[in-house]
C-alpha cells in the first residue's frame, strides 16, 4: 500500500503512470489532493491494470482537495459508503482476499488551517471503523506534524484519538522537506501493526511530498486437507442392481475369515473356562489331595479307589494349566483371554 499527496492528479498523471509501470509491488495506491472535478472523466486519470475510486471535492474541486484510491484490477473490493462521510475528504474501501479475512483501507486529506472541529467528525468515522472489528489501514496527508519536537493543537487532537482507539502511527521520517522546514504530515494509522512487515518513506520526485508505503503480511485462514468420500446415492436406489453388486463380490474369503475367527474364539473360550474350573476346584493340588484324603479310611478299599480318582483328576488339571500357560507364551489366544497364571510348582494358593 502506498499513499502520495500529488497536488493535482491531472498535471502529474503521466509521471505517475511511468512510476507505477516500474513499481510492480503496489496493489493499492491512495492519492490526496487530486484536484478533480466532474469535468474530468475516469479514463483521463486511468492507470493500466488498476481500478480507480474517486471522491472529488464538491465545491471548487479543480482548485484543491479530493482523494482517490487505485486498486489492482484483479483485487476484490467494495466501497464503504457509510465509512466515507461527505463532510470530510475521506474514502474507505474493503478489500477481500482468497482464504483471508477482509480488511479496510481508508485515506483522509485534512486541509491545512482546518478547524479543530474536523477532528470530531474524524473521530466518529474512526468509531465506525473500529466497530467493524477488521484490520484498518488509514493513510493520508493529515497536516498534523508528528515529529517529536513539533507538538501543536492539531497533533494533540490526533494523538488523543489514536490513544482512545488503540491506533499506531507507522511512519517515523519527515514526509515533506523544503529549504526551510521538515514535517511528518503524511501518516499511516493502523490497529494491526503486527500485520505489517515493512513501512517507510520514499521520494519519487512527482510532488513536494514523499510517498509513504507499508507492506502487509499475507495471512491465510487455515485450510483443511480436502478429503473425498464415496457414498451410495439412495435417492435413485435400485434393489436389483444392489443385489447384483453383492453377488459379484467374492464372499468366500470373508466367510473363511469369519468361520476361522468363530472357531478360534470358541476354542479359546472352552479352554478358558476349563482352566478357570480347574483353578476354582484346586487352589493347590497337594493341599487339596491331603484335605480330601484325611476324610477317608485308608484301610477301606472303596475309599482308596476314590482317592485314586481324585489324584488322577488333579494331575489332569495341572496338565491343563501348563497347556494354557504355553498357549499364552505363543500368543495363541486373544489378549482378553490371557492373564498371569501362578506357577503351580510353588504349591501355593492360586487366585483369580
Protein backbone atom coordinates (compact mmCIF):
# COMPACT_ATOMS: atom_id res chain seq x y z
CA UNK A 1 0.00 0.00 0.00
CA UNK A 2 1.25 3.47 -0.94
CA UNK A 3 -0.04 6.99 -0.41
CA UNK A 4 1.02 10.23 -2.09
CA UNK A 5 -0.12 13.84 -1.94
CA UNK A 6 0.22 14.54 -5.66
CA UNK A 7 -1.09 18.16 -5.72
CA UNK A 8 -3.16 17.77 -8.94
CA UNK A 9 -3.54 14.33 -10.44
CA UNK A 10 -4.15 15.55 -13.98
CA UNK A 11 -0.89 17.53 -14.01
CA UNK A 12 1.18 14.53 -12.88
CA UNK A 13 -0.71 11.59 -14.38
CA UNK A 14 1.99 10.81 -16.96
CA UNK A 15 4.74 10.78 -14.31
CA UNK A 16 2.54 8.60 -12.11
CA UNK A 17 1.94 6.13 -14.94
CA UNK A 18 5.69 5.78 -15.50
CA UNK A 19 6.29 5.29 -11.78
CA UNK A 20 3.54 2.66 -11.46
CA UNK A 21 4.75 0.75 -14.52
CA UNK A 22 8.15 0.43 -12.85
CA UNK A 23 6.75 -0.44 -9.42
CA UNK A 24 5.28 -3.93 -9.70
CA UNK A 25 4.57 -4.47 -6.00
CA UNK A 26 1.92 -1.80 -5.41
CA UNK A 27 -1.58 -3.23 -5.11
CA UNK A 28 -3.25 -0.19 -3.53
CA UNK A 29 -2.37 3.45 -4.17
CA UNK A 30 -4.10 6.30 -2.30
CA UNK A 31 -3.84 9.79 -3.77
CA UNK A 32 -4.50 13.03 -1.86
CA UNK A 33 -5.19 16.47 -3.34
CA UNK A 34 -6.35 15.03 -6.64
CA UNK A 35 -7.94 18.38 -7.60
CA UNK A 36 -10.50 16.68 -9.83
CA UNK A 37 -14.00 17.74 -10.74
CA UNK A 38 -17.00 16.40 -12.59
CA UNK A 39 -15.49 17.51 -15.90
CA UNK A 40 -12.62 15.05 -15.51
CA UNK A 41 -13.51 11.50 -16.57
CA UNK A 42 -12.03 8.34 -15.10
CA UNK A 43 -10.26 7.41 -18.33
CA UNK A 44 -8.26 10.66 -18.16
CA UNK A 45 -6.67 9.54 -14.89
CA UNK A 46 -6.61 5.83 -15.67
CA UNK A 47 -3.64 3.70 -14.62
CA UNK A 48 -3.18 0.46 -16.63
CA UNK A 49 -4.04 -2.58 -14.53
CA UNK A 50 -5.90 -0.59 -11.85
CA UNK A 51 -9.46 0.43 -10.99
CA UNK A 52 -9.98 3.88 -9.53
CA UNK A 53 -12.40 5.03 -6.82
CA UNK A 54 -12.77 8.80 -6.55
CA UNK A 55 -14.13 11.29 -4.06
CA UNK A 56 -13.78 14.77 -5.53
CA UNK A 57 -14.24 17.96 -3.57
CA UNK A 58 -17.83 19.04 -4.20
CA UNK A 59 -17.11 22.77 -4.39
CA UNK A 60 -14.21 24.07 -6.46
CA UNK A 61 -12.81 20.57 -6.80
CA UNK A 62 -10.36 21.66 -9.50
CA UNK A 63 -8.73 24.12 -7.11
CA UNK A 64 -7.96 21.84 -4.18
CA UNK A 65 -8.63 18.77 -2.14
CA UNK A 66 -10.09 15.48 -3.27
CA UNK A 67 -8.95 11.90 -2.74
CA UNK A 68 -8.94 8.68 -4.75
CA UNK A 69 -7.76 5.10 -4.38
CA UNK A 70 -6.31 2.94 -7.15
CA UNK A 71 -6.83 -0.80 -6.64
CA UNK A 72 -5.24 -3.51 -8.75
CA UNK A 73 -7.84 -4.83 -11.18
CA UNK A 74 -7.67 -8.46 -10.00
CA UNK A 75 -8.49 -7.44 -6.42
CA UNK A 76 -11.94 -7.91 -4.93
CA UNK A 77 -13.09 -4.74 -3.18
CA UNK A 78 -16.16 -2.71 -2.35
CA UNK A 79 -16.72 0.94 -1.42
CA UNK A 80 -17.85 1.51 2.18
CA UNK A 81 -20.24 4.42 1.71
CA UNK A 82 -21.18 4.55 5.40
CA UNK A 83 -17.48 4.93 6.28
CA UNK A 84 -16.90 7.73 3.76
CA UNK A 85 -18.82 10.75 5.18
CA UNK A 86 -19.48 13.73 2.97
CA UNK A 87 -18.33 16.38 5.48
CA UNK A 88 -14.66 15.30 5.37
CA UNK A 89 -12.48 14.21 2.46
CA UNK A 90 -12.29 10.59 3.49
CA UNK A 91 -12.72 7.46 1.37
CA UNK A 92 -12.85 3.88 2.64
CA UNK A 93 -12.87 0.55 0.80
CA UNK A 94 -12.97 -3.05 1.98
CA UNK A 95 -10.51 -5.50 0.41
CA UNK A 96 -11.27 -9.22 0.27
CA UNK A 97 -8.59 -11.78 -0.50
CA UNK A 98 -8.94 -15.55 -1.01
CA UNK A 99 -8.72 -17.60 2.21
CA UNK A 100 -8.15 -14.41 4.23
CA UNK A 101 -10.23 -12.09 6.36
CA UNK A 102 -11.20 -8.79 4.67
CA UNK A 103 -9.52 -5.57 5.76
CA UNK A 104 -10.23 -1.85 5.44
CA UNK A 105 -8.15 0.74 3.61
CA UNK A 106 -9.01 4.38 4.15
CA UNK A 107 -7.48 7.68 3.08
CA UNK A 108 -8.15 11.12 4.56
CA UNK A 109 -6.95 14.50 3.42
CA UNK A 110 -7.20 17.22 6.05
CA UNK A 111 -6.51 20.62 4.55
CA UNK A 112 -4.08 22.89 6.40
CA UNK A 113 -5.64 25.57 8.58
CA UNK A 114 -8.72 23.39 9.07
CA UNK A 115 -10.86 23.92 12.14
CA UNK A 116 -10.08 21.60 15.08
CA UNK A 117 -13.79 20.67 14.96
CA UNK A 118 -12.95 18.49 11.97
CA UNK A 119 -11.36 16.02 14.37
CA UNK A 120 -14.78 15.48 15.94
CA UNK A 121 -16.12 14.26 12.60
CA UNK A 122 -12.99 12.18 12.08
CA UNK A 123 -13.42 10.55 15.49
CA UNK A 124 -16.95 9.47 14.56
CA UNK A 125 -15.54 7.85 11.43
CA UNK A 126 -12.84 6.05 13.44
CA UNK A 127 -15.51 4.87 15.87
CA UNK A 128 -17.46 3.29 12.99
CA UNK A 129 -14.30 1.78 11.56
CA UNK A 130 -13.42 0.32 14.94
CA UNK A 131 -16.90 -1.21 15.24
CA UNK A 132 -16.24 -3.23 12.05
CA UNK A 133 -13.68 -5.27 14.02
CA UNK A 134 -11.42 -5.57 10.97
CA UNK A 135 -7.85 -4.66 10.17
CA UNK A 136 -7.66 -0.95 9.39
CA UNK A 137 -5.04 0.97 7.42
CA UNK A 138 -5.63 4.71 7.15
CA UNK A 139 -3.17 6.63 5.00
CA UNK A 140 -3.19 10.29 4.08
CA UNK A 141 -1.92 13.83 4.39
CA UNK A 142 -3.44 14.81 7.73
CA UNK A 143 -1.39 18.02 8.07
CA UNK A 144 -0.57 17.10 11.66
CA UNK A 145 3.15 17.21 12.24
CA UNK A 146 4.07 14.23 14.43
CA UNK A 147 7.80 14.82 14.67
CA UNK A 148 8.81 14.64 18.35
CA UNK A 149 9.72 18.34 18.59
CA UNK A 150 6.60 19.63 16.78
CA UNK A 151 3.72 19.34 19.26
CA UNK A 152 0.71 21.54 18.45
CA UNK A 153 -3.03 21.54 18.99
CA UNK A 154 -3.75 19.56 15.83
CA UNK A 155 -1.27 16.79 16.63
CA UNK A 156 -2.62 16.70 20.21
CA UNK A 157 -6.16 16.07 18.91
CA UNK A 158 -4.93 13.31 16.61
CA UNK A 159 -2.78 11.64 19.26
CA UNK A 160 -5.74 11.65 21.64
CA UNK A 161 -7.93 9.84 19.08
CA UNK A 162 -5.16 7.34 18.38
CA UNK A 163 -4.81 6.63 22.10
CA UNK A 164 -8.56 6.11 22.58
CA UNK A 165 -8.88 3.61 19.71
CA UNK A 166 -5.51 1.91 20.05
CA UNK A 167 -4.10 3.09 16.70
CA UNK A 168 -0.41 3.04 15.84
CA UNK A 169 1.32 5.50 13.53
CA UNK A 170 3.94 3.69 11.40
CA UNK A 171 5.81 6.50 9.63
CA UNK A 172 8.78 7.96 11.53
CA UNK A 173 10.65 10.04 8.91
CA UNK A 174 9.76 13.51 7.57
CA UNK A 175 7.49 13.29 4.51
CA UNK A 176 7.69 16.89 3.31
CA UNK A 177 11.07 18.55 3.25
CA UNK A 178 11.63 22.11 2.00
CA UNK A 179 14.51 24.52 2.22
CA UNK A 180 13.09 25.88 5.46
CA UNK A 181 11.13 23.04 7.08
CA UNK A 182 10.88 19.31 7.74
CA UNK A 183 7.48 17.89 8.69
CA UNK A 184 5.92 14.49 9.22
CA UNK A 185 2.39 15.10 7.99
CA UNK A 186 1.76 12.10 5.70
CA UNK A 187 0.76 9.37 8.10
CA UNK A 188 -0.32 5.76 8.29
CA UNK A 189 -2.56 4.72 11.17
CA UNK A 190 -3.41 1.09 11.86
CA UNK A 191 -4.93 -1.09 14.54
CA UNK A 192 -2.83 -4.07 13.42
CA UNK A 193 0.86 -3.09 13.46
CA UNK A 194 1.83 -6.73 13.93
CA UNK A 195 0.46 -7.47 10.44
CA UNK A 196 2.95 -5.07 8.83
CA UNK A 197 6.36 -6.34 7.74
CA UNK A 198 7.76 -3.06 6.41
CA UNK A 199 6.92 0.65 6.18
CA UNK A 200 8.70 3.85 5.31
CA UNK A 201 9.13 6.90 3.11
CA UNK A 202 10.38 7.22 -0.48
CA UNK A 203 10.92 10.36 -2.54
CA UNK A 204 9.61 9.62 -6.04
CA UNK A 205 10.07 13.19 -7.34
CA UNK A 206 6.50 13.72 -8.53
CA UNK A 207 5.41 16.28 -5.92
CA UNK A 208 6.77 18.15 -2.91
CA UNK A 209 5.58 15.29 -0.71
CA UNK A 210 7.32 11.96 -0.35
CA UNK A 211 5.28 8.81 -0.82
CA UNK A 212 4.64 6.67 2.24
CA UNK A 213 4.28 2.91 1.99
CA UNK A 214 3.63 -0.18 4.03
CA UNK A 215 3.82 -3.89 3.29
CA UNK A 216 1.13 -6.08 4.77
CA UNK A 217 1.92 -9.65 5.65
CA UNK A 218 -0.03 -12.19 3.67
CA UNK A 219 -2.08 -14.26 6.10
CA UNK A 220 -4.29 -17.14 5.04
CA UNK A 221 -7.02 -18.78 7.01
CA UNK A 222 -6.25 -22.34 7.95
CA UNK A 223 -7.28 -24.62 5.14
CA UNK A 224 -8.04 -28.26 5.78
CA UNK A 225 -6.86 -31.08 3.58
CA UNK A 226 -9.52 -31.98 1.07
CA UNK A 227 -10.99 -35.41 1.62
CA UNK A 228 -13.11 -37.27 -0.88
CA UNK A 229 -15.66 -39.74 0.41
CA UNK A 230 -17.58 -42.00 -1.93
CA UNK A 231 -21.14 -42.66 -0.81
CA UNK A 232 -24.02 -44.59 -2.34
CA UNK A 233 -26.77 -42.33 -3.60
CA UNK A 234 -30.02 -43.77 -2.21
CA UNK A 235 -32.26 -41.28 -3.92
CA UNK A 236 -32.44 -43.49 -7.01
CA UNK A 237 -31.89 -46.79 -5.21
CA UNK A 238 -32.42 -49.91 -7.37
CA UNK A 239 -32.77 -53.10 -5.38
CA UNK A 240 -31.99 -55.41 -8.31
CA UNK A 241 -28.74 -53.61 -9.14
CA UNK A 242 -27.77 -53.59 -5.48
CA UNK A 243 -28.28 -57.35 -5.17
CA UNK A 244 -26.35 -57.89 -8.40
CA UNK A 245 -23.42 -55.90 -6.99
CA UNK A 246 -23.49 -58.07 -3.88
CA UNK A 247 -23.45 -61.30 -5.92
CA UNK A 248 -20.49 -60.08 -7.99
CA UNK A 249 -18.28 -59.74 -4.93
CA UNK A 250 -16.07 -62.60 -3.73
CA UNK A 251 -17.51 -63.58 -0.36
CA UNK A 252 -15.63 -66.88 0.08
CA UNK A 253 -12.59 -65.26 1.67
CA UNK A 254 -14.80 -63.22 4.01
CA UNK A 255 -16.72 -66.35 5.00
CA UNK A 256 -13.49 -68.25 5.67
CA UNK A 257 -12.20 -65.49 7.88
CA UNK A 258 -15.44 -65.36 9.86
CA UNK A 259 -15.55 -69.15 10.36
CA UNK A 260 -11.89 -69.20 11.34
CA UNK A 261 -12.43 -66.46 13.88
CA UNK A 262 -15.53 -68.11 15.35
CA UNK A 263 -13.74 -71.47 15.61
CA UNK A 264 -10.72 -69.88 17.30
CA UNK A 265 -12.92 -67.87 19.62
CA UNK A 266 -15.00 -70.88 20.73
CA UNK A 267 -11.87 -72.96 21.26
CA UNK A 268 -10.33 -70.19 23.36
CA UNK A 269 -13.49 -69.79 25.44
CA UNK A 270 -13.65 -73.59 26.09
CA UNK A 271 -10.04 -73.70 27.23
CA UNK A 272 -10.50 -70.59 29.33
CA UNK A 273 -13.49 -71.95 31.25
CA UNK A 274 -11.83 -75.35 31.57
CA UNK A 275 -8.79 -73.80 33.19
CA UNK A 276 -10.95 -71.49 35.27
CA UNK A 277 -12.83 -74.52 36.60
CA UNK A 278 -9.56 -76.23 37.45
CA UNK A 279 -8.39 -73.17 39.31
CA UNK A 280 -11.59 -72.94 41.31
CA UNK A 281 -11.72 -76.58 42.36
CA UNK A 282 -7.99 -76.90 43.14
CA UNK A 283 -6.47 -73.97 45.00
CA UNK A 284 -3.37 -76.06 45.50
CA UNK A 285 -3.05 -79.65 44.19
CA UNK A 286 -1.13 -81.04 47.09
CA UNK A 287 -3.29 -79.37 49.76
CA UNK A 288 -6.48 -80.49 48.01
CA UNK A 289 -5.46 -84.16 47.97
CA UNK A 290 -4.30 -84.05 51.59
CA UNK A 291 -7.53 -82.40 52.77
CA UNK A 292 -9.74 -84.93 50.96
CA UNK A 293 -7.57 -87.91 51.94
CA UNK A 294 -7.98 -87.04 55.62
CA UNK A 295 -11.70 -87.68 55.33
CA UNK A 296 -11.33 -91.27 54.08
CA UNK A 297 -10.33 -94.51 55.70
CA UNK A 298 -7.08 -95.74 54.14
CA UNK A 299 -7.91 -99.29 55.12
CA UNK A 300 -11.15 -99.26 53.13
CA UNK A 301 -10.76 -100.41 49.52
CA UNK A 302 -13.67 -98.22 48.24
CA UNK A 303 -12.14 -95.11 49.83
CA UNK A 304 -8.73 -95.89 48.30
CA UNK A 305 -10.32 -96.08 44.85
CA UNK A 306 -11.96 -92.67 45.37
CA UNK A 307 -8.58 -91.21 46.41
CA UNK A 308 -7.01 -92.62 43.26
CA UNK A 309 -9.66 -90.96 41.06
CA UNK A 310 -9.13 -87.60 42.85
CA UNK A 311 -5.36 -87.87 42.32
CA UNK A 312 -5.79 -88.57 38.60
CA UNK A 313 -8.20 -85.64 38.22
CA UNK A 314 -5.76 -83.28 39.99
CA UNK A 315 -2.86 -84.31 37.77
CA UNK A 316 -5.04 -83.75 34.69
CA UNK A 317 -5.97 -80.27 35.94
CA UNK A 318 -2.28 -79.45 36.38
CA UNK A 319 -1.60 -80.56 32.79
CA UNK A 320 -4.43 -78.28 31.55
CA UNK A 321 -2.91 -75.32 33.42
CA UNK A 322 0.51 -75.88 31.90
CA UNK A 323 -1.05 -76.24 28.44
CA UNK A 324 -2.91 -72.96 28.82
CA UNK A 325 0.27 -71.20 30.02
CA UNK A 326 2.16 -72.46 26.96
CA UNK A 327 -0.61 -71.13 24.72
CA UNK A 328 -0.22 -67.73 26.32
CA UNK A 329 3.55 -67.65 25.69
CA UNK A 330 2.95 -68.22 21.96
CA UNK A 331 0.03 -65.71 21.76
CA UNK A 332 -2.33 -68.44 20.56
CA UNK A 333 -5.42 -66.91 22.19
CA UNK A 334 -6.78 -63.36 22.18
CA UNK A 335 -5.43 -60.96 24.79
CA UNK A 336 -8.72 -60.70 26.63
CA UNK A 337 -8.44 -64.45 27.47
CA UNK A 338 -4.88 -64.10 28.78
CA UNK A 339 -3.96 -63.37 32.37
CA UNK A 340 -0.96 -64.12 34.56
CA UNK A 341 -1.17 -67.67 35.91
CA UNK A 342 0.76 -68.56 39.05
CA UNK A 343 3.41 -71.21 38.89
CA UNK A 344 1.77 -74.44 40.11
CA UNK A 345 5.14 -75.86 41.13
CA UNK A 346 5.16 -73.44 44.06
CA UNK A 347 2.24 -75.30 45.61
CA UNK A 348 0.72 -72.09 46.92
CA UNK A 349 -2.82 -70.75 46.61
CA UNK A 350 -4.00 -69.83 43.07
CA UNK A 351 -6.07 -66.60 42.97
CA UNK A 352 -8.10 -65.14 40.07
